[in-house]
Amino acid sequence: MSNEDPIYPCPVDEDALPKHIAIIMDGNGRWAKEHNLRRTKGHEAGVETVRTIVEHCSSWGVEVLSLYAFSSENWNRPAIEVNALMMLLKTFLRKERDQLHQKNVKIVAIGDIERLPSAARKELELSIEKTEKNTGLILQLALSYGSRDEIVRATKKIAQMCVDGNLRIDDIDEELISNNLDTAGIPDPDLLIRTASEMRISNFMLWQISYAEYYSTKYYWPEFTGQCLAEAVEEFSSRLRKYGGLG
């Protein structure tokens, strides 16, 4: 994490700040293409943006930042790109772990982590272990993650409880399901941001974003700055959240 880039001022008061910001980081490849670069260079530029946004969220007092880093569908991309992404993940964690720890950031992960290459998984496990007692920003990385897969896995755990006689069907409720998702113990997102003008959810935290405010920006992820984040947060603060009621 860089200490050289200035932190853009938080545009809202603490009580108007979203506690949990989730981001679908999109547009690395298109950014690279427009700059006549390889797709991998777009992903490398995207890592720099991750540093910037983590720094801002930590400084502003955001409680949770969830980043959709690698979806379960991304395994279908060309092997050369997948390998490059896994290398970037490994390098990022190894390089940034100590600084994230010093800044009191807690790293957690959701998704089918066992599918990650052993070297990347090792760096992730070391990062989680090193930062597990930190009390600042929770940086939740979605890796090999798909929300439908997450819900299926949670359903299987709950079904097994019933089969074992430890749970009655009538005891199944929203809280039980939430507690068996990968995000158990993490508050649901308040604000969901997607870059590169896309309007899709792309199988990301489908259960958890039920009442999140959605924000789309035209900027590709490598172009997304602290000021862009501030604009999203300011827009969020102007919305009336009704949760199905009258507000």
C-alpha atoms as a PDB file:
ATOM      1  CA  MET A   1       0.000   0.000   0.000  1.00  0.00           C
ATOM      2  CA  SER A   2       1.326   3.383  -0.988  1.00  0.00           C
ATOM      3  CA  ASN A   3       1.646   6.234   1.458  1.00  0.00           C
ATOM      4  CA  GLU A   4       2.441   8.702  -1.316  1.00  0.00           C
ATOM      5  CA  ASP A   5      -1.000   9.154  -2.878  1.00  0.00           C
ATOM      6  CA  PRO A   6      -3.154  11.716  -1.053  1.00  0.00           C
ATOM      7  CA  ILE A   7      -6.385  10.499   0.506  1.00  0.00           C
ATOM      8  CA  TYR A   8      -9.450  12.140  -1.005  1.00  0.00           C
ATOM      9  CA  PRO A   9     -11.594  13.574   1.816  1.00  0.00           C
ATOM     10  CA  CYS A  10     -14.581  11.529   2.887  1.00  0.00           C
ATOM     11  CA  PRO A  11     -17.594  13.399   1.438  1.00  0.00           C
ATOM     12  CA  VAL A  12     -20.097  12.490   4.163  1.00  0.00           C
ATOM     13  CA  ASP A  13     -20.416  12.420   7.931  1.00  0.00           C
ATOM     14  CA  GLU A  14     -19.715   9.182   9.761  1.00  0.00           C
ATOM     15  CA  ASP A  15     -23.403   8.367  10.241  1.00  0.00           C
ATOM     16  CA  ALA A  16     -24.018   8.644   6.464  1.00  0.00           C
ATOM     17  CA  LEU A  17     -21.060   6.454   5.494  1.00  0.00           C
ATOM     18  CA  PRO A  18     -21.922   2.956   4.231  1.00  0.00           C
ATOM     19  CA  LYS A  19     -20.645   0.398   6.727  1.00  0.00           C
ATOM     20  CA  HIS A  20     -20.058  -2.213   4.034  1.00  0.00           C
ATOM     21  CA  ILE A  21     -19.014  -1.387   0.471  1.00  0.00           C
ATOM     22  CA  ALA A  22     -18.898  -4.191  -2.085  1.00  0.00           C
ATOM     23  CA  ILE A  23     -17.277  -3.707  -5.489  1.00  0.00           C
ATOM     24  CA  ILE A  24     -17.442  -5.667  -8.730  1.00  0.00           C
ATOM     25  CA  MET A  25     -14.123  -4.654 -10.247  1.00  0.00           C
ATOM     26  CA  ASP A  26     -14.713  -4.630 -13.996  1.00  0.00           C
ATOM     27  CA  GLY A  27     -12.944  -3.289 -17.066  1.00  0.00           C
ATOM     28  CA  ASN A  28      -9.295  -4.274 -16.624  1.00  0.00           C
ATOM     29  CA  GLY A  29      -9.169  -5.956 -20.028  1.00  0.00           C
ATOM     30  CA  ARG A  30     -10.960  -3.164 -21.860  1.00  0.00           C
ATOM     31  CA  TRP A  31      -8.711  -0.576 -20.225  1.00  0.00           C
ATOM     32  CA  ALA A  32      -5.656  -2.507 -21.422  1.00  0.00           C
ATOM     33  CA  LYS A  33      -7.056  -2.815 -24.945  1.00  0.00           C
ATOM     34  CA  GLU A  34      -7.702   0.922 -25.180  1.00  0.00           C
ATOM     35  CA  HIS A  35      -4.092   1.517 -24.133  1.00  0.00           C
ATOM     36  CA  ASN A  36      -2.747  -1.082 -26.596  1.00  0.00           C
ATOM     37  CA  LEU A  37      -1.549  -3.296 -23.765  1.00  0.00           C
ATOM     38  CA  ARG A  38      -1.911  -6.985 -22.942  1.00  0.00           C
ATOM     39  CA  ARG A  39      -4.885  -7.933 -20.768  1.00  0.00           C
ATOM     40  CA  THR A  40      -2.505  -8.913 -17.986  1.00  0.00           C
ATOM     41  CA  LYS A  41      -1.284  -5.313 -17.856  1.00  0.00           C
ATOM     42  CA  GLY A  42      -4.846  -4.266 -17.178  1.00  0.00           C
ATOM     43  CA  HIS A  43      -5.002  -6.621 -14.209  1.00  0.00           C
ATOM     44  CA  GLU A  44      -1.691  -5.259 -12.918  1.00  0.00           C
ATOM     45  CA  ALA A  45      -3.095  -1.729 -13.134  1.00  0.00           C
ATOM     46  CA  GLY A  46      -6.187  -2.954 -11.316  1.00  0.00           C
ATOM     47  CA  VAL A  47      -4.040  -4.051  -8.365  1.00  0.00           C
ATOM     48  CA  GLU A  48      -2.882  -0.462  -7.959  1.00  0.00           C
ATOM     49  CA  THR A  49      -6.515   0.604  -7.722  1.00  0.00           C
ATOM     50  CA  VAL A  50      -7.113  -2.019  -5.037  1.00  0.00           C
ATOM     51  CA  ARG A  51      -4.365  -0.403  -2.973  1.00  0.00           C
ATOM     52  CA  THR A  52      -5.939   3.037  -3.418  1.00  0.00           C
ATOM     53  CA  ILE A  53      -9.469   1.974  -2.497  1.00  0.00           C
ATOM     54  CA  VAL A  54      -8.368  -0.070   0.522  1.00  0.00           C
ATOM     55  CA  GLU A  55      -6.405   2.950   1.729  1.00  0.00           C
ATOM     56  CA  HIS A  56      -9.433   5.233   1.382  1.00  0.00           C
ATOM     57  CA  CYS A  57     -11.905   2.858   3.027  1.00  0.00           C
ATOM     58  CA  SER A  58      -9.537   2.280   5.922  1.00  0.00           C
ATOM     59  CA  SER A  59      -8.929   6.009   6.365  1.00  0.00           C
ATOM     60  CA  TRP A  60     -12.612   6.936   6.165  1.00  0.00           C
ATOM     61  CA  GLY A  61     -13.760   4.341   8.695  1.00  0.00           C
ATOM     62  CA  VAL A  62     -15.636   1.930   6.405  1.00  0.00           C
ATOM     63  CA  GLU A  63     -16.141  -1.306   8.331  1.00  0.00           C
ATOM     64  CA  VAL A  64     -16.084  -3.822   5.451  1.00  0.00           C
ATOM     65  CA  LEU A  65     -14.793  -3.670   1.881  1.00  0.00           C
ATOM     66  CA  SER A  66     -15.684  -6.678  -0.285  1.00  0.00           C
ATOM     67  CA  LEU A  67     -13.873  -7.071  -3.595  1.00  0.00           C
ATOM     68  CA  TYR A  68     -15.024  -9.500  -6.291  1.00  0.00           C
ATOM     69  CA  ALA A  69     -11.514 -10.541  -7.239  1.00  0.00           C
ATOM     70  CA  PHE A  70     -12.036 -13.850  -9.064  1.00  0.00           C
ATOM     71  CA  SER A  71     -15.344 -15.538  -9.815  1.00  0.00           C
ATOM     72  CA  SER A  72     -16.030 -19.247 -10.101  1.00  0.00           C
ATOM     73  CA  GLU A  73     -16.743 -18.591 -13.794  1.00  0.00           C
ATOM     74  CA  ASN A  74     -13.346 -16.947 -14.294  1.00  0.00           C
ATOM     75  CA  TRP A  75     -11.752 -20.405 -14.274  1.00  0.00           C
ATOM     76  CA  ASN A  76     -13.126 -20.696 -17.834  1.00  0.00           C
ATOM     77  CA  ARG A  77     -10.801 -17.943 -19.087  1.00  0.00           C
ATOM     78  CA  PRO A  78      -7.628 -18.828 -21.025  1.00  0.00           C
ATOM     79  CA  ALA A  79      -5.054 -20.563 -18.829  1.00  0.00           C
ATOM     80  CA  ILE A  80      -2.450 -17.863 -19.428  1.00  0.00           C
ATOM     81  CA  GLU A  81      -4.793 -15.206 -18.007  1.00  0.00           C
ATOM     82  CA  VAL A  82      -5.878 -17.350 -15.058  1.00  0.00           C
ATOM     83  CA  ASN A  83      -2.249 -18.094 -14.207  1.00  0.00           C
ATOM     84  CA  ALA A  84      -1.396 -14.402 -14.396  1.00  0.00           C
ATOM     85  CA  LEU A  85      -4.284 -13.536 -12.065  1.00  0.00           C
ATOM     86  CA  MET A  86      -3.203 -16.160  -9.551  1.00  0.00           C
ATOM     87  CA  MET A  87       0.356 -14.838  -9.689  1.00  0.00           C
ATOM     88  CA  LEU A  88      -0.914 -11.303  -9.098  1.00  0.00           C
ATOM     89  CA  LEU A  89      -2.948 -12.493  -6.117  1.00  0.00           C
ATOM     90  CA  LYS A  90       0.051 -14.255  -4.623  1.00  0.00           C
ATOM     91  CA  THR A  91       2.336 -11.263  -5.197  1.00  0.00           C
ATOM     92  CA  PHE A  92      -0.187  -8.767  -3.818  1.00  0.00           C
ATOM     93  CA  LEU A  93      -0.702 -10.718  -0.609  1.00  0.00           C
ATOM     94  CA  ARG A  94       2.989 -11.327  -0.068  1.00  0.00           C
ATOM     95  CA  LYS A  95       3.907  -7.700  -0.738  1.00  0.00           C
ATOM     96  CA  GLU A  96       1.050  -5.962   1.072  1.00  0.00           C
ATOM     97  CA  ARG A  97       0.414  -8.276   4.026  1.00  0.00           C
ATOM     98  CA  ASP A  98       2.670  -6.515   6.512  1.00  0.00           C
ATOM     99  CA  GLN A  99       1.446  -3.025   5.614  1.00  0.00           C
ATOM    100  CA  LEU A 100      -2.182  -4.108   5.764  1.00  0.00           C
ATOM    101  CA  HIS A 101      -1.467  -5.595   9.173  1.00  0.00           C
ATOM    102  CA  GLN A 102       0.182  -2.368  10.349  1.00  0.00           C
ATOM    103  CA  LYS A 103      -2.903  -0.455   9.247  1.00  0.00           C
ATOM    104  CA  ASN A 104      -5.092  -2.781  11.357  1.00  0.00           C
ATOM    105  CA  VAL A 105      -6.801  -4.272   8.263  1.00  0.00           C
ATOM    106  CA  LYS A 106      -8.286  -7.738   8.711  1.00  0.00           C
ATOM    107  CA  ILE A 107      -8.198 -10.005   5.647  1.00  0.00           C
ATOM    108  CA  VAL A 108     -10.912 -12.623   5.129  1.00  0.00           C
ATOM    109  CA  ALA A 109     -11.940 -14.625   2.071  1.00  0.00           C
ATOM    110  CA  ILE A 110     -15.118 -16.121   0.646  1.00  0.00           C
ATOM    111  CA  GLY A 111     -15.511 -18.676  -2.120  1.00  0.00           C
ATOM    112  CA  ASP A 112     -14.237 -22.142  -2.962  1.00  0.00           C
ATOM    113  CA  ILE A 113     -10.724 -21.391  -1.722  1.00  0.00           C
ATOM    114  CA  GLU A 114      -9.604 -25.008  -2.149  1.00  0.00           C
ATOM    115  CA  ARG A 115      -9.602 -24.490  -5.925  1.00  0.00           C
ATOM    116  CA  LEU A 116      -6.861 -21.877  -5.720  1.00  0.00           C
ATOM    117  CA  PRO A 117      -3.321 -22.975  -6.654  1.00  0.00           C
ATOM    118  CA  SER A 118      -1.389 -24.060  -3.569  1.00  0.00           C
ATOM    119  CA  ALA A 119       1.059 -21.122  -3.681  1.00  0.00           C
ATOM    120  CA  ALA A 120      -1.727 -18.513  -3.843  1.00  0.00           C
ATOM    121  CA  ARG A 121      -3.754 -20.361  -1.210  1.00  0.00           C
ATOM    122  CA  LYS A 122      -0.746 -20.445   1.127  1.00  0.00           C
ATOM    123  CA  GLU A 123      -0.244 -16.673   0.835  1.00  0.00           C
ATOM    124  CA  LEU A 124      -3.950 -16.134   1.473  1.00  0.00           C
ATOM    125  CA  GLU A 125      -3.919 -18.373   4.561  1.00  0.00           C
ATOM    126  CA  LEU A 126      -0.844 -16.591   5.913  1.00  0.00           C
ATOM    127  CA  SER A 127      -2.520 -13.215   5.369  1.00  0.00           C
ATOM    128  CA  ILE A 128      -5.713 -14.303   7.101  1.00  0.00           C
ATOM    129  CA  GLU A 129      -3.775 -15.733  10.029  1.00  0.00           C
ATOM    130  CA  LYS A 130      -1.532 -12.686  10.434  1.00  0.00           C
ATOM    131  CA  THR A 131      -4.416 -10.202  10.435  1.00  0.00           C
ATOM    132  CA  GLU A 132      -7.127 -12.227  12.173  1.00  0.00           C
ATOM    133  CA  LYS A 133      -7.016 -10.199  15.415  1.00  0.00           C
ATOM    134  CA  ASN A 134      -7.053  -6.795  13.705  1.00  0.00           C
ATOM    135  CA  THR A 135     -10.021  -4.562  14.473  1.00  0.00           C
ATOM    136  CA  GLY A 136      -9.994  -2.058  11.610  1.00  0.00           C
ATOM    137  CA  LEU A 137     -11.293  -2.390   8.068  1.00  0.00           C
ATOM    138  CA  ILE A 138     -12.305  -5.927   7.092  1.00  0.00           C
ATOM    139  CA  LEU A 139     -11.025  -6.619   3.575  1.00  0.00           C
ATOM    140  CA  GLN A 140     -13.173  -9.459   2.255  1.00  0.00           C
ATOM    141  CA  LEU A 141     -11.768 -11.026  -0.915  1.00  0.00           C
ATOM    142  CA  ALA A 142     -14.174 -13.041  -3.078  1.00  0.00           C
ATOM    143  CA  LEU A 143     -11.962 -15.677  -4.709  1.00  0.00           C
ATOM    144  CA  SER A 144     -13.182 -18.588  -6.809  1.00  0.00           C
ATOM    145  CA  TYR A 145     -16.530 -17.247  -5.673  1.00  0.00           C
ATOM    146  CA  GLY A 146     -20.008 -17.696  -7.070  1.00  0.00           C
ATOM    147  CA  SER A 147     -23.092 -16.835  -5.068  1.00  0.00           C
ATOM    148  CA  ARG A 148     -25.162 -19.742  -6.360  1.00  0.00           C
ATOM    149  CA  ASP A 149     -22.391 -22.140  -5.386  1.00  0.00           C
ATOM    150  CA  GLU A 150     -22.218 -20.503  -1.956  1.00  0.00           C
ATOM    151  CA  ILE A 151     -25.969 -20.929  -1.457  1.00  0.00           C
ATOM    152  CA  VAL A 152     -25.817 -24.572  -2.593  1.00  0.00           C
ATOM    153  CA  ARG A 153     -23.011 -25.285  -0.124  1.00  0.00           C
ATOM    154  CA  ALA A 154     -24.944 -23.590   2.671  1.00  0.00           C
ATOM    155  CA  THR A 155     -28.071 -25.573   1.783  1.00  0.00           C
ATOM    156  CA  LYS A 156     -26.130 -28.840   1.949  1.00  0.00           C
ATOM    157  CA  LYS A 157     -24.808 -27.968   5.416  1.00  0.00           C
ATOM    158  CA  ILE A 158     -28.300 -27.186   6.644  1.00  0.00           C
ATOM    159  CA  ALA A 159     -29.736 -30.348   5.063  1.00  0.00           C
ATOM    160  CA  GLN A 160     -27.054 -32.420   6.799  1.00  0.00           C
ATOM    161  CA  MET A 161     -28.055 -30.901  10.144  1.00  0.00           C
ATOM    162  CA  CYS A 162     -31.612 -32.085   9.480  1.00  0.00           C
ATOM    163  CA  VAL A 163     -30.469 -35.561   8.443  1.00  0.00           C
ATOM    164  CA  ASP A 164     -28.349 -35.819  11.605  1.00  0.00           C
ATOM    165  CA  GLY A 165     -31.338 -34.889  13.719  1.00  0.00           C
ATOM    166  CA  ASN A 166     -29.779 -31.651  14.976  1.00  0.00           C
ATOM    167  CA  LEU A 167     -32.216 -29.337  13.219  1.00  0.00           C
ATOM    168  CA  ARG A 168     -35.952 -29.272  12.563  1.00  0.00           C
ATOM    169  CA  ILE A 169     -37.194 -28.038   9.201  1.00  0.00           C
ATOM    170  CA  ASP A 170     -39.361 -25.458  10.985  1.00  0.00           C
ATOM    171  CA  ASP A 171     -36.196 -23.983  12.515  1.00  0.00           C
ATOM    172  CA  ILE A 172     -34.819 -22.967   9.119  1.00  0.00           C
ATOM    173  CA  ASP A 173     -35.071 -19.202   8.759  1.00  0.00           C
ATOM    174  CA  GLU A 174     -33.175 -16.299   7.186  1.00  0.00           C
ATOM    175  CA  GLU A 175     -30.773 -16.017  10.105  1.00  0.00           C
ATOM    176  CA  LEU A 176     -29.831 -19.691   9.903  1.00  0.00           C
ATOM    177  CA  ILE A 177     -29.174 -19.450   6.173  1.00  0.00           C
ATOM    178  CA  SER A 178     -27.090 -16.281   6.633  1.00  0.00           C
ATOM    179  CA  ASN A 179     -25.059 -17.993   9.344  1.00  0.00           C
ATOM    180  CA  ASN A 180     -24.178 -20.833   6.982  1.00  0.00           C
ATOM    181  CA  LEU A 181     -23.056 -18.657   4.074  1.00  0.00           C
ATOM    182  CA  ASP A 182     -19.386 -17.837   3.505  1.00  0.00           C
ATOM    183  CA  THR A 183     -20.092 -14.335   4.835  1.00  0.00           C
ATOM    184  CA  ALA A 184     -21.364 -15.492   8.234  1.00  0.00           C
ATOM    185  CA  GLY A 185     -20.716 -12.782  10.811  1.00  0.00           C
ATOM    186  CA  ILE A 186     -20.206 -10.058   8.196  1.00  0.00           C
ATOM    187  CA  PRO A 187     -22.943  -7.400   7.807  1.00  0.00           C
ATOM    188  CA  ASP A 188     -24.666  -7.253   4.433  1.00  0.00           C
ATOM    189  CA  PRO A 189     -23.392  -4.666   1.915  1.00  0.00           C
ATOM    190  CA  ASP A 190     -24.963  -1.229   2.037  1.00  0.00           C
ATOM    191  CA  LEU A 191     -23.476  -0.077  -1.264  1.00  0.00           C
ATOM    192  CA  LEU A 192     -22.658  -2.202  -4.317  1.00  0.00           C
ATOM    193  CA  ILE A 193     -20.420  -0.530  -6.907  1.00  0.00           C
ATOM    194  CA  ARG A 194     -19.725  -1.862 -10.385  1.00  0.00           C
ATOM    195  CA  THR A 195     -17.217  -0.220 -12.677  1.00  0.00           C
ATOM    196  CA  ALA A 196     -17.073  -0.022 -16.497  1.00  0.00           C
ATOM    197  CA  SER A 197     -20.755   0.916 -16.955  1.00  0.00           C
ATOM    198  CA  GLU A 198     -21.951  -2.674 -16.521  1.00  0.00           C
ATOM    199  CA  MET A 199     -25.359  -3.237 -14.941  1.00  0.00           C
ATOM    200  CA  ARG A 200     -25.099  -6.954 -14.152  1.00  0.00           C
ATOM    201  CA  ILE A 201     -24.725  -8.542 -10.709  1.00  0.00           C
ATOM    202  CA  SER A 202     -22.694 -11.445 -12.141  1.00  0.00           C
ATOM    203  CA  ASN A 203     -23.503 -13.993  -9.428  1.00  0.00           C
ATOM    204  CA  PHE A 204     -22.062 -11.839  -6.641  1.00  0.00           C
ATOM    205  CA  MET A 205     -23.483 -12.026  -3.105  1.00  0.00           C
ATOM    206  CA  LEU A 206     -27.036 -12.542  -4.339  1.00  0.00           C
ATOM    207  CA  TRP A 207     -28.422 -13.236  -0.855  1.00  0.00           C
ATOM    208  CA  GLN A 208     -26.454 -10.485   0.850  1.00  0.00           C
ATOM    209  CA  ILE A 209     -27.209  -7.572  -1.514  1.00  0.00           C
ATOM    210  CA  SER A 210     -30.988  -7.822  -1.197  1.00  0.00           C
ATOM    211  CA  TYR A 211     -31.231  -4.222   0.019  1.00  0.00           C
ATOM    212  CA  ALA A 212     -27.892  -2.816  -1.095  1.00  0.00           C
ATOM    213  CA  GLU A 213     -27.879   0.430  -3.064  1.00  0.00           C
ATOM    214  CA  TYR A 214     -26.491  -0.165  -6.568  1.00  0.00           C
ATOM    215  CA  TYR A 215     -24.087   2.291  -8.182  1.00  0.00           C
ATOM    216  CA  SER A 216     -22.607   1.980 -11.682  1.00  0.00           C
ATOM    217  CA  THR A 217     -19.756   4.121 -12.923  1.00  0.00           C
ATOM    218  CA  LYS A 218     -18.384   4.542 -16.437  1.00  0.00           C
ATOM    219  CA  TYR A 219     -14.786   4.297 -15.284  1.00  0.00           C
ATOM    220  CA  TYR A 220     -12.836   1.100 -15.810  1.00  0.00           C
ATOM    221  CA  TRP A 221     -11.436  -0.362 -12.612  1.00  0.00           C
ATOM    222  CA  PRO A 222      -7.854   0.859 -13.286  1.00  0.00           C
ATOM    223  CA  GLU A 223      -9.309   4.384 -13.607  1.00  0.00           C
ATOM    224  CA  PHE A 224     -11.331   4.236 -10.388  1.00  0.00           C
ATOM    225  CA  THR A 225      -9.875   6.695  -7.875  1.00  0.00           C
ATOM    226  CA  GLY A 226     -10.532   7.893  -4.360  1.00  0.00           C
ATOM    227  CA  GLN A 227     -12.559  10.711  -5.866  1.00  0.00           C
ATOM    228  CA  CYS A 228     -14.663   8.173  -7.795  1.00  0.00           C
ATOM    229  CA  LEU A 229     -15.298   6.319  -4.540  1.00  0.00           C
ATOM    230  CA  ALA A 230     -16.237   9.588  -2.847  1.00  0.00           C
ATOM    231  CA  GLU A 231     -18.777  10.308  -5.589  1.00  0.00           C
ATOM    232  CA  ALA A 232     -20.333   6.867  -5.095  1.00  0.00           C
ATOM    233  CA  VAL A 233     -20.532   7.355  -1.337  1.00  0.00           C
ATOM    234  CA  GLU A 234     -22.034  10.817  -1.750  1.00  0.00           C
ATOM    235  CA  GLU A 235     -24.663   9.415  -4.115  1.00  0.00           C
ATOM    236  CA  PHE A 236     -25.392   6.651  -1.595  1.00  0.00           C
ATOM    237  CA  SER A 237     -25.937   9.188   1.182  1.00  0.00           C
ATOM    238  CA  SER A 238     -28.594  10.989  -0.870  1.00  0.00           C
ATOM    239  CA  ARG A 239     -30.795   7.932  -1.312  1.00  0.00           C
ATOM    240  CA  LEU A 240     -33.770   7.040   0.876  1.00  0.00           C
ATOM    241  CA  ARG A 241     -33.438   3.409   1.942  1.00  0.00           C
ATOM    242  CA  LYS A 242     -36.924   1.989   2.461  1.00  0.00           C
ATOM    243  CA  TYR A 243     -36.259  -1.751   2.971  1.00  0.00           C
ATOM    244  CA  GLY A 244     -39.665  -2.488   1.484  1.00  0.00           C
ATOM    245  CA  GLY A 245     -41.459   0.057   3.713  1.00  0.00           C
ATOM    246  CA  LEU A 246     -42.507   3.634   3.116  1.00  0.00           C
ATOM    247  CA  GLY A 247     -39.275   5.237   4.303  1.00  0.00           C
END
